[in-house]
N, C-alpha and C. Protein backbone atom coordinates (compact mmCIF):
# COMPACT_ATOMS: atom_id res chain seq x y z
N MET A 1 47.15 37.72 73.50
CA MET A 1 46.87 37.75 74.94
C MET A 1 46.57 36.33 75.40
N GLN A 2 47.16 35.96 76.48
CA GLN A 2 47.01 34.61 77.01
C GLN A 2 45.89 34.58 78.06
N VAL A 3 44.70 35.01 77.64
CA VAL A 3 43.55 35.04 78.54
C VAL A 3 42.33 34.52 77.77
N ASN A 4 41.25 34.37 78.46
CA ASN A 4 39.98 33.98 77.84
C ASN A 4 39.45 35.20 77.08
N PRO A 5 39.57 35.20 75.75
CA PRO A 5 39.18 36.39 75.00
C PRO A 5 37.70 36.72 75.08
N GLU A 6 36.85 35.71 75.16
CA GLU A 6 35.41 36.00 75.26
C GLU A 6 35.10 36.75 76.55
N LYS A 7 35.80 36.41 77.60
CA LYS A 7 35.53 37.02 78.90
C LYS A 7 36.23 38.38 79.07
N TYR A 8 37.49 38.48 78.62
CA TYR A 8 38.30 39.65 78.97
C TYR A 8 38.56 40.64 77.84
N LEU A 9 38.45 40.21 76.59
CA LEU A 9 38.77 41.11 75.49
C LEU A 9 37.92 42.38 75.47
N PRO A 10 36.62 42.30 75.74
CA PRO A 10 35.84 43.55 75.76
C PRO A 10 36.36 44.55 76.81
N TYR A 11 36.84 44.05 77.94
CA TYR A 11 37.39 44.93 78.98
C TYR A 11 38.73 45.51 78.55
N ALA A 12 39.53 44.70 77.87
CA ALA A 12 40.81 45.19 77.37
C ALA A 12 40.59 46.33 76.38
N VAL A 13 39.58 46.19 75.54
CA VAL A 13 39.26 47.25 74.58
C VAL A 13 38.82 48.52 75.31
N LEU A 14 38.02 48.37 76.36
CA LEU A 14 37.60 49.54 77.14
C LEU A 14 38.81 50.25 77.77
N VAL A 15 39.73 49.48 78.31
CA VAL A 15 40.94 50.07 78.90
C VAL A 15 41.73 50.80 77.81
N ALA A 16 41.88 50.16 76.66
CA ALA A 16 42.64 50.76 75.57
C ALA A 16 42.00 52.06 75.08
N GLU A 17 40.67 52.09 75.04
CA GLU A 17 39.97 53.33 74.64
C GLU A 17 40.31 54.46 75.63
N GLY A 18 40.37 54.13 76.92
CA GLY A 18 40.76 55.12 77.91
C GLY A 18 42.19 55.59 77.70
N LEU A 19 43.08 54.67 77.38
CA LEU A 19 44.48 55.03 77.13
C LEU A 19 44.61 55.92 75.90
N LEU A 20 43.79 55.67 74.89
CA LEU A 20 43.82 56.52 73.70
C LEU A 20 43.49 57.97 74.06
N LYS A 21 42.60 58.14 75.01
CA LYS A 21 42.24 59.50 75.45
C LYS A 21 43.38 60.17 76.21
N MET A 22 44.30 59.36 76.73
CA MET A 22 45.46 59.90 77.45
C MET A 22 46.65 60.12 76.51
N GLN A 23 46.55 59.65 75.27
CA GLN A 23 47.65 59.79 74.32
C GLN A 23 47.60 61.18 73.68
N ASP A 24 48.69 61.94 73.83
CA ASP A 24 48.70 63.30 73.28
C ASP A 24 49.04 63.27 71.79
N PRO A 25 48.94 64.40 71.12
CA PRO A 25 49.17 64.43 69.66
C PRO A 25 50.56 63.91 69.24
N SER A 26 51.56 64.04 70.12
CA SER A 26 52.90 63.55 69.76
C SER A 26 53.03 62.04 69.95
N GLY A 27 52.01 61.41 70.55
CA GLY A 27 52.04 59.97 70.78
C GLY A 27 52.32 59.58 72.21
N GLY A 28 52.76 60.55 73.03
CA GLY A 28 53.04 60.28 74.43
C GLY A 28 51.76 59.97 75.20
N ILE A 29 51.85 58.98 76.08
CA ILE A 29 50.68 58.62 76.88
C ILE A 29 50.89 59.21 78.26
N ARG A 30 50.06 60.18 78.60
CA ARG A 30 50.18 60.94 79.85
C ARG A 30 50.03 60.03 81.05
N ASP A 31 50.71 60.38 82.10
CA ASP A 31 50.69 59.61 83.33
C ASP A 31 49.54 60.13 84.18
N GLY A 32 48.36 59.67 83.87
CA GLY A 32 47.14 60.20 84.48
C GLY A 32 47.02 60.05 85.97
N ASN A 33 47.53 58.96 86.55
CA ASN A 33 47.32 58.77 87.98
C ASN A 33 48.33 59.51 88.83
N ARG A 34 49.50 59.85 88.28
CA ARG A 34 50.51 60.55 89.08
C ARG A 34 50.67 62.00 88.66
N ASN A 35 50.70 62.24 87.37
CA ASN A 35 50.88 63.60 86.89
C ASN A 35 50.43 63.69 85.44
N PRO A 36 49.25 64.28 85.20
CA PRO A 36 48.72 64.34 83.84
C PRO A 36 49.51 65.27 82.92
N ASN A 37 50.47 66.02 83.45
CA ASN A 37 51.29 66.92 82.64
C ASN A 37 52.63 66.30 82.28
N ARG A 38 52.70 65.00 82.34
CA ARG A 38 53.97 64.32 82.17
C ARG A 38 53.74 62.98 81.45
N VAL A 39 54.73 62.60 80.65
CA VAL A 39 54.77 61.26 80.09
C VAL A 39 55.93 60.54 80.77
N ASN A 40 55.61 59.53 81.55
CA ASN A 40 56.63 58.69 82.19
C ASN A 40 56.90 57.52 81.27
N THR A 41 58.14 57.30 80.96
CA THR A 41 58.51 56.33 79.94
C THR A 41 58.07 54.91 80.27
N GLU A 42 58.22 54.47 81.50
CA GLU A 42 57.87 53.08 81.84
C GLU A 42 56.39 52.79 81.59
N PRO A 43 55.44 53.55 82.18
CA PRO A 43 54.04 53.23 81.87
C PRO A 43 53.69 53.50 80.40
N HIS A 44 54.37 54.47 79.79
CA HIS A 44 54.16 54.73 78.37
C HIS A 44 54.49 53.49 77.55
N MET A 45 55.63 52.86 77.86
CA MET A 45 56.04 51.66 77.12
C MET A 45 55.13 50.48 77.45
N SER A 46 54.58 50.44 78.65
CA SER A 46 53.61 49.40 78.97
C SER A 46 52.38 49.55 78.08
N CYS A 47 51.94 50.78 77.86
CA CYS A 47 50.80 51.03 76.98
C CYS A 47 51.14 50.65 75.55
N TYR A 48 52.34 50.98 75.12
CA TYR A 48 52.79 50.59 73.78
C TYR A 48 52.64 49.07 73.59
N ALA A 49 53.16 48.30 74.55
CA ALA A 49 53.09 46.84 74.46
C ALA A 49 51.63 46.36 74.51
N PHE A 50 50.82 47.00 75.34
CA PHE A 50 49.40 46.64 75.44
C PHE A 50 48.69 46.86 74.10
N PHE A 51 48.95 48.00 73.46
CA PHE A 51 48.35 48.26 72.15
C PHE A 51 48.78 47.19 71.13
N ARG A 52 50.04 46.80 71.16
CA ARG A 52 50.52 45.77 70.23
C ARG A 52 49.81 44.44 70.47
N GLU A 53 49.69 44.07 71.73
CA GLU A 53 49.00 42.81 72.07
C GLU A 53 47.53 42.87 71.68
N LEU A 54 46.91 44.02 71.90
CA LEU A 54 45.50 44.17 71.57
C LEU A 54 45.29 44.11 70.05
N ALA A 55 46.20 44.69 69.30
CA ALA A 55 46.11 44.62 67.84
C ALA A 55 46.17 43.16 67.38
N ALA A 56 47.07 42.39 67.99
CA ALA A 56 47.19 40.97 67.62
C ALA A 56 45.93 40.20 68.01
N ALA A 57 45.36 40.54 69.15
CA ALA A 57 44.18 39.80 69.65
C ALA A 57 42.91 40.15 68.88
N THR A 58 42.79 41.39 68.43
CA THR A 58 41.55 41.83 67.78
C THR A 58 41.65 41.91 66.26
N GLY A 59 42.86 42.06 65.75
CA GLY A 59 43.03 42.29 64.32
C GLY A 59 42.67 43.71 63.91
N ASP A 60 42.36 44.56 64.87
CA ASP A 60 41.97 45.95 64.61
C ASP A 60 43.22 46.80 64.44
N ARG A 61 43.39 47.38 63.27
CA ARG A 61 44.57 48.19 62.96
C ARG A 61 44.64 49.47 63.81
N LYS A 62 43.53 49.85 64.39
CA LYS A 62 43.49 51.03 65.27
C LYS A 62 44.54 50.91 66.37
N TRP A 63 44.69 49.69 66.89
CA TRP A 63 45.64 49.50 68.00
C TRP A 63 47.08 49.48 67.49
N ASN A 64 47.29 49.01 66.26
CA ASN A 64 48.62 49.13 65.65
C ASN A 64 49.00 50.59 65.46
N ARG A 65 48.03 51.39 65.02
CA ARG A 65 48.31 52.83 64.84
C ARG A 65 48.64 53.49 66.17
N ALA A 66 47.92 53.12 67.22
CA ALA A 66 48.19 53.69 68.55
C ALA A 66 49.58 53.27 69.03
N ALA A 67 49.95 52.01 68.80
CA ALA A 67 51.27 51.51 69.19
C ALA A 67 52.36 52.22 68.39
N ASP A 68 52.15 52.38 67.10
CA ASP A 68 53.15 53.06 66.26
C ASP A 68 53.35 54.51 66.69
N LYS A 69 52.25 55.16 67.04
CA LYS A 69 52.33 56.55 67.49
C LYS A 69 53.09 56.62 68.82
N ALA A 70 52.83 55.67 69.71
CA ALA A 70 53.56 55.62 70.99
C ALA A 70 55.04 55.34 70.75
N TRP A 71 55.33 54.47 69.79
CA TRP A 71 56.73 54.17 69.48
C TRP A 71 57.45 55.41 68.95
N ARG A 72 56.79 56.15 68.06
CA ARG A 72 57.41 57.36 67.51
C ARG A 72 57.72 58.35 68.63
N TRP A 73 56.82 58.48 69.62
CA TRP A 73 57.11 59.36 70.76
C TRP A 73 58.37 58.87 71.47
N PHE A 74 58.44 57.57 71.74
CA PHE A 74 59.59 57.00 72.44
C PHE A 74 60.89 57.30 71.68
N GLU A 75 60.88 57.05 70.37
CA GLU A 75 62.08 57.30 69.56
C GLU A 75 62.47 58.77 69.54
N LYS A 76 61.48 59.65 69.44
CA LYS A 76 61.76 61.08 69.30
C LYS A 76 62.06 61.75 70.64
N LYS A 77 61.35 61.37 71.68
CA LYS A 77 61.42 62.11 72.95
C LYS A 77 62.24 61.43 74.04
N ALA A 78 62.30 60.10 74.07
CA ALA A 78 62.91 59.43 75.22
C ALA A 78 64.20 58.68 74.90
N LEU A 79 64.31 58.13 73.72
CA LEU A 79 65.45 57.29 73.36
C LEU A 79 66.56 58.09 72.72
N ASN A 80 67.79 57.91 73.21
CA ASN A 80 68.96 58.46 72.57
C ASN A 80 69.80 57.27 72.13
N GLU A 81 69.63 56.87 70.87
CA GLU A 81 70.32 55.68 70.37
C GLU A 81 71.83 55.85 70.36
N LYS A 82 72.30 57.05 70.04
CA LYS A 82 73.74 57.29 69.96
C LYS A 82 74.41 57.08 71.32
N GLU A 83 73.78 57.59 72.38
CA GLU A 83 74.35 57.50 73.73
C GLU A 83 73.93 56.22 74.46
N GLY A 84 72.89 55.57 73.97
CA GLY A 84 72.39 54.38 74.65
C GLY A 84 71.69 54.72 75.95
N THR A 85 70.91 55.81 75.92
CA THR A 85 70.20 56.24 77.12
C THR A 85 68.70 56.41 76.83
N VAL A 86 67.93 56.36 77.91
CA VAL A 86 66.48 56.56 77.83
C VAL A 86 66.09 57.50 78.96
N LEU A 87 65.31 58.52 78.63
CA LEU A 87 64.82 59.44 79.65
C LEU A 87 63.77 58.76 80.51
N ARG A 88 63.72 59.13 81.79
CA ARG A 88 62.69 58.60 82.68
C ARG A 88 61.32 59.14 82.30
N GLY A 89 61.30 60.33 81.73
CA GLY A 89 60.04 60.93 81.31
C GLY A 89 60.27 62.31 80.74
N VAL A 90 59.17 62.93 80.31
CA VAL A 90 59.21 64.26 79.74
C VAL A 90 58.01 65.04 80.26
N TRP A 91 58.27 66.26 80.76
CA TRP A 91 57.19 67.14 81.22
C TRP A 91 56.48 67.75 80.03
N GLU A 92 55.28 68.25 80.25
CA GLU A 92 54.49 68.87 79.18
C GLU A 92 55.26 70.03 78.53
N SER A 93 56.08 70.71 79.31
CA SER A 93 56.89 71.82 78.80
C SER A 93 57.98 71.34 77.84
N GLY A 94 58.21 70.02 77.80
CA GLY A 94 59.28 69.47 76.99
C GLY A 94 60.54 69.21 77.78
N GLU A 95 60.54 69.63 79.04
CA GLU A 95 61.72 69.44 79.89
C GLU A 95 61.90 67.95 80.19
N PRO A 96 63.10 67.43 79.92
CA PRO A 96 63.33 66.01 80.18
C PRO A 96 63.62 65.72 81.65
N ASP A 97 63.23 64.55 82.08
CA ASP A 97 63.59 64.06 83.42
C ASP A 97 64.85 63.22 83.22
N LEU A 98 65.96 63.72 83.70
CA LEU A 98 67.26 63.11 83.45
C LEU A 98 67.67 62.08 84.51
N VAL A 99 66.83 61.87 85.52
CA VAL A 99 67.16 60.89 86.55
C VAL A 99 67.11 59.49 85.93
N HIS A 100 68.17 58.73 86.15
CA HIS A 100 68.24 57.36 85.62
C HIS A 100 67.23 56.47 86.34
N ALA A 101 66.48 55.68 85.57
CA ALA A 101 65.55 54.71 86.15
C ALA A 101 65.72 53.38 85.44
N THR A 102 65.91 52.34 86.21
CA THR A 102 66.17 51.01 85.67
C THR A 102 65.05 50.53 84.75
N ASP A 103 63.80 50.75 85.14
CA ASP A 103 62.69 50.20 84.36
C ASP A 103 62.56 50.79 82.96
N VAL A 104 63.02 52.01 82.75
CA VAL A 104 62.92 52.57 81.41
C VAL A 104 63.93 51.93 80.46
N TYR A 105 64.85 51.17 80.99
CA TYR A 105 65.77 50.37 80.16
C TYR A 105 65.23 48.96 79.96
N THR A 106 64.74 48.36 81.02
CA THR A 106 64.29 46.97 80.92
C THR A 106 63.03 46.83 80.06
N TRP A 107 62.09 47.79 80.16
CA TRP A 107 60.86 47.68 79.36
C TRP A 107 61.14 47.70 77.86
N PRO A 108 61.86 48.68 77.34
CA PRO A 108 62.11 48.66 75.88
C PRO A 108 62.91 47.42 75.44
N ILE A 109 63.86 46.99 76.25
CA ILE A 109 64.64 45.81 75.89
C ILE A 109 63.72 44.60 75.82
N ALA A 110 62.83 44.46 76.79
CA ALA A 110 61.94 43.30 76.84
C ALA A 110 60.79 43.39 75.83
N MET A 111 60.23 44.57 75.64
CA MET A 111 59.01 44.71 74.84
C MET A 111 59.24 45.09 73.38
N ALA A 112 60.39 45.64 73.08
CA ALA A 112 60.56 46.20 71.74
C ALA A 112 61.89 45.84 71.11
N ALA A 113 62.47 44.74 71.52
CA ALA A 113 63.75 44.34 70.95
C ALA A 113 63.66 44.19 69.43
N ASP A 114 62.48 43.84 68.93
CA ASP A 114 62.29 43.69 67.49
C ASP A 114 62.33 45.02 66.74
N ARG A 115 62.22 46.13 67.46
CA ARG A 115 62.22 47.44 66.81
C ARG A 115 63.52 48.20 67.03
N LEU A 116 64.41 47.64 67.83
CA LEU A 116 65.69 48.30 68.12
C LEU A 116 66.82 47.55 67.43
N SER A 117 67.81 48.29 66.97
CA SER A 117 68.96 47.64 66.34
C SER A 117 69.77 46.91 67.41
N LEU A 118 70.56 45.95 66.99
CA LEU A 118 71.42 45.23 67.92
C LEU A 118 72.40 46.18 68.59
N SER A 119 72.89 47.14 67.85
CA SER A 119 73.81 48.13 68.41
C SER A 119 73.14 48.94 69.51
N THR A 120 71.91 49.36 69.28
CA THR A 120 71.17 50.13 70.30
C THR A 120 70.89 49.26 71.51
N LEU A 121 70.48 48.02 71.29
CA LEU A 121 70.22 47.11 72.41
C LEU A 121 71.49 46.95 73.26
N ARG A 122 72.61 46.76 72.62
CA ARG A 122 73.88 46.62 73.36
C ARG A 122 74.19 47.86 74.18
N LYS A 123 73.96 49.03 73.59
CA LYS A 123 74.22 50.28 74.32
C LYS A 123 73.28 50.43 75.51
N LEU A 124 72.01 50.10 75.32
CA LEU A 124 71.05 50.19 76.43
C LEU A 124 71.43 49.23 77.56
N ILE A 125 71.82 48.02 77.20
CA ILE A 125 72.22 47.04 78.22
C ILE A 125 73.48 47.52 78.94
N ALA A 126 74.43 48.08 78.20
CA ALA A 126 75.66 48.59 78.83
C ALA A 126 75.35 49.72 79.80
N THR A 127 74.45 50.63 79.41
CA THR A 127 74.07 51.73 80.31
C THR A 127 73.38 51.19 81.54
N PHE A 128 72.47 50.24 81.34
CA PHE A 128 71.78 49.61 82.47
C PHE A 128 72.79 49.00 83.43
N GLU A 129 73.73 48.23 82.91
CA GLU A 129 74.72 47.58 83.77
C GLU A 129 75.60 48.59 84.49
N ARG A 130 76.02 49.63 83.78
CA ARG A 130 76.91 50.64 84.37
C ARG A 130 76.22 51.47 85.45
N ARG A 131 74.94 51.77 85.24
CA ARG A 131 74.28 52.72 86.14
C ARG A 131 73.29 52.09 87.12
N SER A 132 72.94 50.83 86.92
CA SER A 132 71.90 50.24 87.77
C SER A 132 72.40 49.16 88.71
N LEU A 133 73.47 48.48 88.34
CA LEU A 133 73.91 47.36 89.15
C LEU A 133 74.74 47.85 90.35
N VAL A 134 74.41 47.29 91.49
CA VAL A 134 75.13 47.63 92.72
C VAL A 134 75.64 46.35 93.36
N ARG A 135 76.77 46.49 94.02
CA ARG A 135 77.38 45.37 94.73
C ARG A 135 77.11 45.58 96.21
N ILE A 136 76.52 44.57 96.83
CA ILE A 136 76.16 44.64 98.25
C ILE A 136 76.83 43.48 98.98
N THR A 137 77.52 43.80 100.06
CA THR A 137 78.13 42.77 100.89
C THR A 137 77.41 42.76 102.22
N PHE A 138 77.00 41.59 102.66
CA PHE A 138 76.31 41.48 103.94
C PHE A 138 76.82 40.25 104.68
N THR A 139 76.54 40.23 105.97
CA THR A 139 76.95 39.10 106.80
C THR A 139 75.73 38.25 107.11
N ARG A 140 75.83 36.98 106.80
CA ARG A 140 74.75 36.04 107.05
C ARG A 140 74.72 35.68 108.54
N PRO A 141 73.62 35.08 108.99
CA PRO A 141 73.55 34.68 110.41
C PRO A 141 74.69 33.74 110.84
N ASP A 142 75.24 32.98 109.87
CA ASP A 142 76.36 32.09 110.22
C ASP A 142 77.70 32.84 110.20
N ARG A 143 77.65 34.18 110.07
CA ARG A 143 78.79 35.10 110.09
C ARG A 143 79.64 35.07 108.82
N ARG A 144 79.15 34.38 107.82
CA ARG A 144 79.86 34.36 106.55
C ARG A 144 79.47 35.60 105.74
N GLN A 145 80.44 36.27 105.17
CA GLN A 145 80.16 37.44 104.33
C GLN A 145 79.85 36.99 102.91
N VAL A 146 78.81 37.60 102.35
CA VAL A 146 78.38 37.28 101.00
C VAL A 146 78.26 38.60 100.22
N THR A 147 78.72 38.58 98.98
CA THR A 147 78.59 39.74 98.11
C THR A 147 77.69 39.35 96.94
N VAL A 148 76.70 40.18 96.68
CA VAL A 148 75.78 39.94 95.57
C VAL A 148 75.74 41.19 94.69
N VAL A 149 75.39 41.00 93.44
CA VAL A 149 75.20 42.11 92.52
C VAL A 149 73.73 42.12 92.14
N LEU A 150 73.08 43.25 92.37
CA LEU A 150 71.64 43.38 92.13
C LEU A 150 71.36 44.71 91.42
N PRO A 151 70.24 44.78 90.70
CA PRO A 151 69.88 46.07 90.11
C PRO A 151 69.21 46.98 91.15
N ASP A 152 69.59 48.23 91.15
CA ASP A 152 68.93 49.24 91.94
C ASP A 152 67.88 49.88 91.03
N PHE A 153 66.87 50.51 91.60
CA PHE A 153 65.85 51.16 90.77
C PHE A 153 66.45 52.32 89.99
N THR A 154 67.44 52.97 90.57
CA THR A 154 68.04 54.14 89.94
C THR A 154 69.54 54.12 90.18
N ASP A 155 70.23 55.07 89.65
CA ASP A 155 71.68 55.16 89.81
C ASP A 155 71.97 55.65 91.23
N PRO A 156 72.58 54.83 92.08
CA PRO A 156 72.81 55.23 93.46
C PRO A 156 73.80 56.40 93.58
N GLU A 157 74.53 56.70 92.53
CA GLU A 157 75.48 57.82 92.55
C GLU A 157 74.84 59.14 92.11
N ASP A 158 73.61 59.08 91.60
CA ASP A 158 72.95 60.28 91.08
C ASP A 158 72.28 61.03 92.21
N LEU A 159 72.79 62.20 92.53
CA LEU A 159 72.25 62.98 93.63
C LEU A 159 70.91 63.61 93.32
N ARG A 160 70.47 63.59 92.05
CA ARG A 160 69.17 64.17 91.69
C ARG A 160 68.01 63.30 92.08
N ARG A 161 68.26 62.04 92.32
CA ARG A 161 67.15 61.15 92.66
C ARG A 161 66.58 61.56 94.01
N ALA A 162 65.29 61.43 94.12
CA ALA A 162 64.62 61.82 95.36
C ALA A 162 63.51 60.83 95.67
N PRO A 163 63.48 60.31 96.91
CA PRO A 163 62.40 59.39 97.27
C PRO A 163 61.04 60.05 97.07
N GLY A 164 60.12 59.30 96.49
CA GLY A 164 58.76 59.82 96.32
C GLY A 164 58.59 60.75 95.14
N SER A 165 59.62 60.88 94.30
CA SER A 165 59.50 61.79 93.16
C SER A 165 58.57 61.17 92.12
N ALA A 166 58.03 61.99 91.25
CA ALA A 166 57.12 61.50 90.22
C ALA A 166 57.82 60.46 89.37
N GLY A 167 57.20 59.30 89.26
CA GLY A 167 57.77 58.24 88.47
C GLY A 167 58.81 57.42 89.20
N GLY A 168 59.09 57.75 90.47
CA GLY A 168 60.16 57.03 91.14
C GLY A 168 59.84 56.59 92.48
């Protein structure tokens, strides 16, 4: 952690203790502020990375175990290595949220590249590019048309997406 450990580490440990209470037996970290009956992949992976950083900062293996448990949930419940896809989340019933979300691709690529094979990373990046990038053409004040390619939060072609939905 790139912070003053004497000042902030005790608070980081308190936050992590709270996150441990939100981690279910399968390793999923429940989305307490939006829906406690759901594991949303993006905040789940943020917790995974936080546990890893805390383990490095404290040397306490407890946080490595929490990170490993969170990783196992991700591998078992959210990641499809063969297809190169990641679920946006999973309901307590086990029902998957199939709506594409950009952040569930970028977080694992950024935070866990050391745990994913090169083949899986390539598939995740290909899915991200195919389903998240949009081409937008607009006219500038000088009347010149410009086309840019930007990531959308979700797949603009997916009719299941809904504004204000859990996790989105």
